Amino acid sequence: MIAYHRPRSLEEALAIRAGQDVAVIAGGTDIYPARTARAAWGDPTHKDVLDITALPDLDRIEEGAEGWRIGCLVTWSALRRARLPPLFDGLKAAAKEVGGAQVQNRGTLAGNLCTASPAGDGIPNLLALDASLELACVQGRRVVRLRDFLTGYRATALRRDELVAAIVVPRLDGARSQFGKLGARRYLVISIAMAAGVVACNAEGRITTTRLALGACSAVAQRLPTLEAALAGVRLRDAAEVPDAAHLSALAPIDDIRGSAAYRRDAALTLLRDLLRGFAA
């Protein structure tokens, strides 16, 4: 029989997490479909459940001097409603693309990261935001950069005794972000390719900071440091002319039912150029 835990404090949740092999549930928008799929193929097993939805104060977005702290229970719908600067426009655009309204009302940003799908809509945006994760366990807390947290296909650096407590986004004054996604249809679709970007410019309209990330084109979403470096000092109105195929050499897209590897590479390059044109506009 499956045990169901719903602790009322983070300390209690961490004690359960440390002592048992449990499935952590917040929105449950990934875990429940996966369980149903396994059952359909004759595997009825399921871990004991640790429901963290009753934990206090983890459903907030808090702003501080260094940036923002997004609690692990913040949903996509809550993010869309939050009053945030243009730095978060790309992440908010992704929030509109995560499933339908029911999924957005239940699914959390932290859960999207822990699932670590190559096509997770939030991941390239949070990479472009240079986000870190605050990981908690009984012994204390540690902060891990998102790029180090994602270790492979649906794999993360989260230890079995840890929970993601929050996502931390550093401040970048004057910056804006955007997000673009290609799928077989407009809504309720797994991405063929995604591009997310953050750009800041000086008074002359030249780029001072660029962070660009692609999703669904490798086992793990990736930043593009070579392209970011090439864009430094470029006038924003000319930025769309800079990306070329060589900047995507680190990608390792696959052939699948949604598109070939070659198509994904071409689509990713087009998305990047469109993204930069959008910043200029």
Protein backbone atom coordinates (compact mmCIF):
# COMPACT_ATOMS: atom_id res chain seq x y z
CA MET A 1 0.00 0.00 0.00
CA ILE A 2 1.32 3.45 -0.92
CA ALA A 3 2.06 5.81 1.98
CA TYR A 4 0.95 9.42 1.54
CA HIS A 5 2.77 12.18 3.43
CA ARG A 6 1.62 15.82 3.55
CA PRO A 7 3.88 17.63 6.03
CA ARG A 8 3.13 21.11 7.33
CA SER A 9 6.72 22.32 7.67
CA LEU A 10 9.83 22.19 5.52
CA GLU A 11 11.75 20.56 8.36
CA GLU A 12 9.24 17.70 8.52
CA ALA A 13 9.32 17.31 4.73
CA LEU A 14 13.12 17.14 4.72
CA ALA A 15 13.11 14.52 7.46
CA ILE A 16 10.75 12.34 5.40
CA ARG A 17 12.83 12.93 2.28
CA ALA A 18 16.00 11.90 4.11
CA GLY A 19 14.50 8.74 5.58
CA GLN A 20 12.49 7.32 2.66
CA ASP A 21 12.55 6.91 -1.09
CA VAL A 22 9.53 9.03 -2.01
CA ALA A 23 8.03 10.69 -5.07
CA VAL A 24 7.84 14.44 -4.44
CA ILE A 25 4.61 16.02 -5.66
CA ALA A 26 3.66 19.69 -5.94
CA GLY A 27 1.52 20.11 -9.05
CA GLY A 28 1.78 16.46 -10.07
CA THR A 29 1.41 17.35 -13.75
CA ASP A 30 4.34 15.11 -14.73
CA ILE A 31 4.20 12.38 -12.09
CA TYR A 32 0.56 11.40 -12.51
CA PRO A 33 0.63 11.04 -16.32
CA ALA A 34 3.86 9.02 -16.04
CA ARG A 35 2.27 6.72 -13.46
CA THR A 36 -0.80 6.24 -15.66
CA ALA A 37 1.39 5.41 -18.64
CA ARG A 38 3.34 2.81 -16.65
CA ALA A 39 0.13 1.25 -15.38
CA ALA A 40 -1.19 1.02 -18.94
CA TRP A 41 1.90 -1.02 -19.84
CA GLY A 42 1.40 -3.36 -16.88
CA ASP A 43 3.57 -1.69 -14.23
CA PRO A 44 1.34 -0.65 -11.30
CA THR A 45 4.22 0.18 -8.92
CA HIS A 46 4.60 3.63 -7.44
CA LYS A 47 6.77 5.14 -4.74
CA ASP A 48 5.35 6.51 -1.53
CA VAL A 49 4.23 10.12 -2.00
CA LEU A 50 5.61 13.27 -0.39
CA ASP A 51 3.07 16.03 -1.08
CA ILE A 52 4.74 19.39 -0.38
CA THR A 53 1.77 21.62 -1.21
CA ALA A 54 1.06 22.41 2.47
CA LEU A 55 4.52 23.82 3.15
CA PRO A 56 4.26 27.50 4.16
CA ASP A 57 5.79 30.51 2.39
CA LEU A 58 7.11 28.59 -0.64
CA ASP A 59 4.44 29.89 -3.05
CA ARG A 60 5.84 33.44 -3.13
CA ILE A 61 7.98 35.52 -5.46
CA GLU A 62 10.15 37.82 -3.35
CA GLU A 63 12.36 40.66 -4.57
CA GLY A 64 15.57 41.62 -2.79
CA ALA A 65 18.59 43.79 -3.43
CA GLU A 66 20.36 41.06 -5.42
CA GLY A 67 17.39 39.77 -7.38
CA TRP A 68 14.33 37.54 -7.03
CA ARG A 69 13.55 34.37 -5.13
CA ILE A 70 10.83 32.18 -6.67
CA GLY A 71 9.52 29.63 -4.18
CA CYS A 72 9.26 26.02 -5.27
CA LEU A 73 5.44 26.09 -5.10
CA VAL A 74 5.03 29.07 -7.45
CA THR A 75 2.86 27.98 -10.38
CA TRP A 76 3.03 29.11 -13.98
CA SER A 77 -0.25 31.00 -13.54
CA ALA A 78 1.09 32.80 -10.47
CA LEU A 79 4.20 33.80 -12.41
CA ARG A 80 2.07 35.27 -15.19
CA ARG A 81 0.08 37.34 -12.67
CA ALA A 82 3.16 38.61 -10.83
CA ARG A 83 4.36 42.18 -11.33
CA LEU A 84 7.86 41.65 -12.66
CA PRO A 85 10.21 43.74 -14.84
CA PRO A 86 10.85 43.11 -18.58
CA LEU A 87 13.70 40.81 -17.55
CA PHE A 88 11.00 38.17 -17.00
CA ASP A 89 9.02 38.69 -20.23
CA GLY A 90 10.49 35.58 -21.85
CA LEU A 91 9.71 33.38 -18.87
CA LYS A 92 6.17 34.76 -18.77
CA ALA A 93 5.79 34.00 -22.49
CA ALA A 94 6.87 30.42 -21.79
CA ALA A 95 4.29 30.24 -18.99
CA LYS A 96 1.57 30.68 -21.61
CA GLU A 97 2.89 27.67 -23.54
CA VAL A 98 3.11 25.12 -20.71
CA GLY A 99 0.16 22.81 -21.35
CA GLY A 100 -3.32 24.24 -20.95
CA ALA A 101 -4.81 26.44 -18.24
CA GLN A 102 -5.29 23.49 -15.87
CA VAL A 103 -1.61 22.56 -16.08
CA GLN A 104 -0.53 26.18 -15.67
CA ASN A 105 -2.69 26.48 -12.54
CA ARG A 106 -1.12 23.39 -10.94
CA GLY A 107 2.33 22.94 -12.46
CA THR A 108 5.30 24.66 -10.81
CA LEU A 109 8.46 26.17 -12.24
CA ALA A 110 10.58 24.07 -9.90
CA GLY A 111 8.83 20.89 -10.99
CA ASN A 112 9.56 21.74 -14.62
CA LEU A 113 13.27 21.93 -13.74
CA CYS A 114 13.29 18.71 -11.72
CA THR A 115 11.67 16.79 -14.57
CA ALA A 116 14.67 17.93 -16.66
CA SER A 117 13.03 17.28 -20.00
CA PRO A 118 15.05 18.58 -22.97
CA ALA A 119 11.80 20.21 -24.11
CA GLY A 120 10.89 21.81 -20.77
CA ASP A 121 9.69 25.31 -21.67
CA GLY A 122 11.01 26.97 -18.53
CA ILE A 123 14.56 25.64 -18.72
CA PRO A 124 16.09 27.72 -21.56
CA ASN A 125 14.48 30.85 -20.12
CA LEU A 126 15.92 30.25 -16.66
CA LEU A 127 19.31 29.46 -18.19
CA ALA A 128 19.17 32.81 -19.99
CA LEU A 129 18.24 34.44 -16.68
CA ASP A 130 21.39 32.88 -15.16
CA ALA A 131 19.23 31.27 -12.48
CA SER A 132 20.44 29.21 -9.54
CA LEU A 133 18.58 26.73 -7.35
CA GLU A 134 18.45 26.72 -3.58
CA LEU A 135 18.54 23.07 -2.49
CA ALA A 136 17.56 22.13 1.07
CA CYS A 137 18.23 19.05 3.16
CA VAL A 138 18.30 18.20 6.87
CA GLN A 139 21.95 19.32 7.14
CA GLY A 140 21.35 22.73 5.55
CA ARG A 141 21.15 24.44 2.18
CA ARG A 142 23.33 24.85 -0.89
CA VAL A 143 22.99 26.96 -4.03
CA VAL A 144 23.67 25.36 -7.42
CA ARG A 145 23.74 27.13 -10.78
CA LEU A 146 21.03 25.81 -13.07
CA ARG A 147 23.59 24.93 -15.73
CA ASP A 148 25.26 22.63 -13.16
CA PHE A 149 21.95 21.30 -11.81
CA LEU A 150 20.98 19.78 -15.18
CA THR A 151 23.32 16.83 -15.66
CA GLY A 152 21.73 14.90 -18.54
CA TYR A 153 18.52 13.63 -20.10
CA ARG A 154 15.94 13.84 -17.30
CA ALA A 155 18.81 13.84 -14.80
CA THR A 156 19.76 16.45 -12.20
CA ALA A 157 22.25 17.04 -9.40
CA LEU A 158 19.45 16.88 -6.80
CA ARG A 159 20.37 14.37 -4.10
CA ARG A 160 17.82 11.88 -2.81
CA ASP A 161 17.63 13.70 0.54
CA GLU A 162 17.13 17.17 -0.99
CA LEU A 163 14.25 19.33 -2.07
CA VAL A 164 14.36 22.37 -4.35
CA ALA A 165 13.36 25.22 -2.04
CA ALA A 166 13.55 28.10 -4.51
CA ILE A 167 14.78 29.44 -7.84
CA VAL A 168 17.04 32.47 -7.53
CA VAL A 169 17.29 34.99 -10.40
CA PRO A 170 19.97 37.72 -10.20
CA ARG A 171 19.22 41.32 -11.06
CA LEU A 172 20.30 42.71 -14.45
CA ASP A 173 19.15 46.30 -14.65
CA GLY A 174 17.73 47.48 -17.96
CA ALA A 175 17.57 43.99 -19.46
CA ARG A 176 14.72 42.43 -21.40
CA SER A 177 13.98 38.83 -22.32
CA GLN A 178 12.08 36.98 -25.02
CA PHE A 179 11.11 33.41 -25.86
CA GLY A 180 10.31 31.61 -29.10
CA LYS A 181 9.07 28.08 -29.61
CA LEU A 182 8.42 25.90 -32.64
CA GLY A 183 5.92 23.05 -32.45
CA ALA A 184 3.68 21.08 -34.75
CA ARG A 185 0.75 23.26 -33.67
CA ARG A 186 0.20 26.44 -31.65
CA TYR A 187 -0.74 25.02 -28.25
CA LEU A 188 -0.47 21.83 -26.16
CA VAL A 189 2.56 20.56 -28.03
CA ILE A 190 6.07 19.35 -27.22
CA SER A 191 8.65 21.67 -28.72
CA ILE A 192 10.68 20.90 -31.82
CA ALA A 193 13.03 23.73 -30.86
CA MET A 194 13.02 26.65 -28.41
CA ALA A 195 15.08 29.80 -28.06
CA ALA A 196 15.27 32.12 -25.07
CA GLY A 197 17.31 35.26 -24.63
CA VAL A 198 18.16 38.12 -22.30
CA VAL A 199 19.67 41.33 -23.70
CA ALA A 200 20.90 44.56 -22.14
CA CYS A 201 22.21 47.55 -24.13
CA ASN A 202 24.01 50.81 -23.44
CA ALA A 203 22.76 54.29 -24.30
CA GLU A 204 24.15 53.96 -27.85
CA GLY A 205 22.08 50.84 -28.53
CA ARG A 206 25.03 48.47 -28.40
CA ILE A 207 24.73 45.13 -26.63
CA THR A 208 26.46 44.97 -23.26
CA THR A 209 25.05 41.63 -22.07
CA THR A 210 23.54 38.76 -24.03
CA ARG A 211 22.44 35.39 -22.70
CA LEU A 212 20.99 32.96 -25.22
CA ALA A 213 19.79 29.39 -24.68
CA LEU A 214 18.27 26.69 -26.87
CA GLY A 215 16.00 23.86 -25.78
CA ALA A 216 14.84 20.59 -27.40
CA CYS A 217 18.05 20.47 -29.47
CA SER A 218 20.23 18.43 -27.08
CA ALA A 219 19.82 16.12 -24.11
CA VAL A 220 20.12 19.25 -21.95
CA ALA A 221 19.14 22.81 -22.89
CA GLN A 222 22.27 24.83 -23.61
CA ARG A 223 23.59 28.36 -23.45
CA LEU A 224 25.51 29.62 -26.49
CA PRO A 225 28.65 31.30 -25.11
CA THR A 226 30.39 31.68 -28.48
CA LEU A 227 27.42 33.54 -29.96
CA GLU A 228 27.00 35.59 -26.79
CA ALA A 229 30.62 36.72 -27.07
CA ALA A 230 30.20 37.53 -30.77
CA LEU A 231 27.26 39.81 -29.97
CA ALA A 232 29.13 41.92 -27.43
CA GLY A 233 29.28 45.53 -28.65
CA VAL A 234 27.08 44.88 -31.69
CA ARG A 235 24.29 47.34 -32.38
CA LEU A 236 21.03 45.70 -31.40
CA ARG A 237 19.50 46.51 -34.78
CA ASP A 238 22.25 44.44 -36.45
CA ALA A 239 22.27 41.53 -33.99
CA ALA A 240 20.05 39.22 -36.06
CA GLU A 241 22.73 39.05 -38.75
CA VAL A 242 25.36 37.62 -36.40
CA PRO A 243 24.13 34.04 -35.65
CA ASP A 244 25.27 31.34 -38.08
CA ALA A 245 25.43 27.56 -38.12
CA ALA A 246 28.89 27.50 -36.52
CA HIS A 247 27.44 28.99 -33.33
CA LEU A 248 25.27 25.86 -32.94
CA SER A 249 28.10 23.33 -33.27
CA ALA A 250 27.74 22.18 -29.64
CA LEU A 251 24.15 21.04 -30.16
CA ALA A 252 23.29 17.37 -30.49
CA PRO A 253 19.69 17.21 -31.80
CA ILE A 254 18.01 13.89 -32.48
CA ASP A 255 15.75 12.53 -35.19
CA ASP A 256 12.30 11.74 -33.83
CA ILE A 257 8.64 11.88 -34.77
CA ARG A 258 8.56 15.67 -34.31
CA GLY A 259 11.48 16.50 -36.59
CA SER A 260 14.88 15.47 -37.92
CA ALA A 261 18.16 16.62 -36.40
CA ALA A 262 18.90 18.72 -39.48
CA TYR A 263 15.48 20.38 -39.28
CA ARG A 264 15.99 21.16 -35.59
CA ARG A 265 19.33 22.83 -36.30
CA ASP A 266 17.82 24.96 -39.04
CA ALA A 267 14.79 25.81 -36.89
CA ALA A 268 16.99 26.77 -33.93
CA LEU A 269 19.02 29.17 -36.07
CA THR A 270 15.84 30.77 -37.41
CA LEU A 271 14.41 31.09 -33.90
CA LEU A 272 17.58 32.80 -32.69
CA ARG A 273 17.52 35.31 -35.53
CA ASP A 274 13.82 35.99 -34.98
CA LEU A 275 14.44 36.43 -31.26
CA LEU A 276 17.13 39.05 -31.88
CA ARG A 277 14.93 40.85 -34.42
CA GLY A 278 12.24 40.94 -31.76
CA PHE A 279 14.59 42.68 -29.34
CA ALA A 280 15.46 45.25 -32.01
CA ALA A 281 11.81 45.90 -32.77
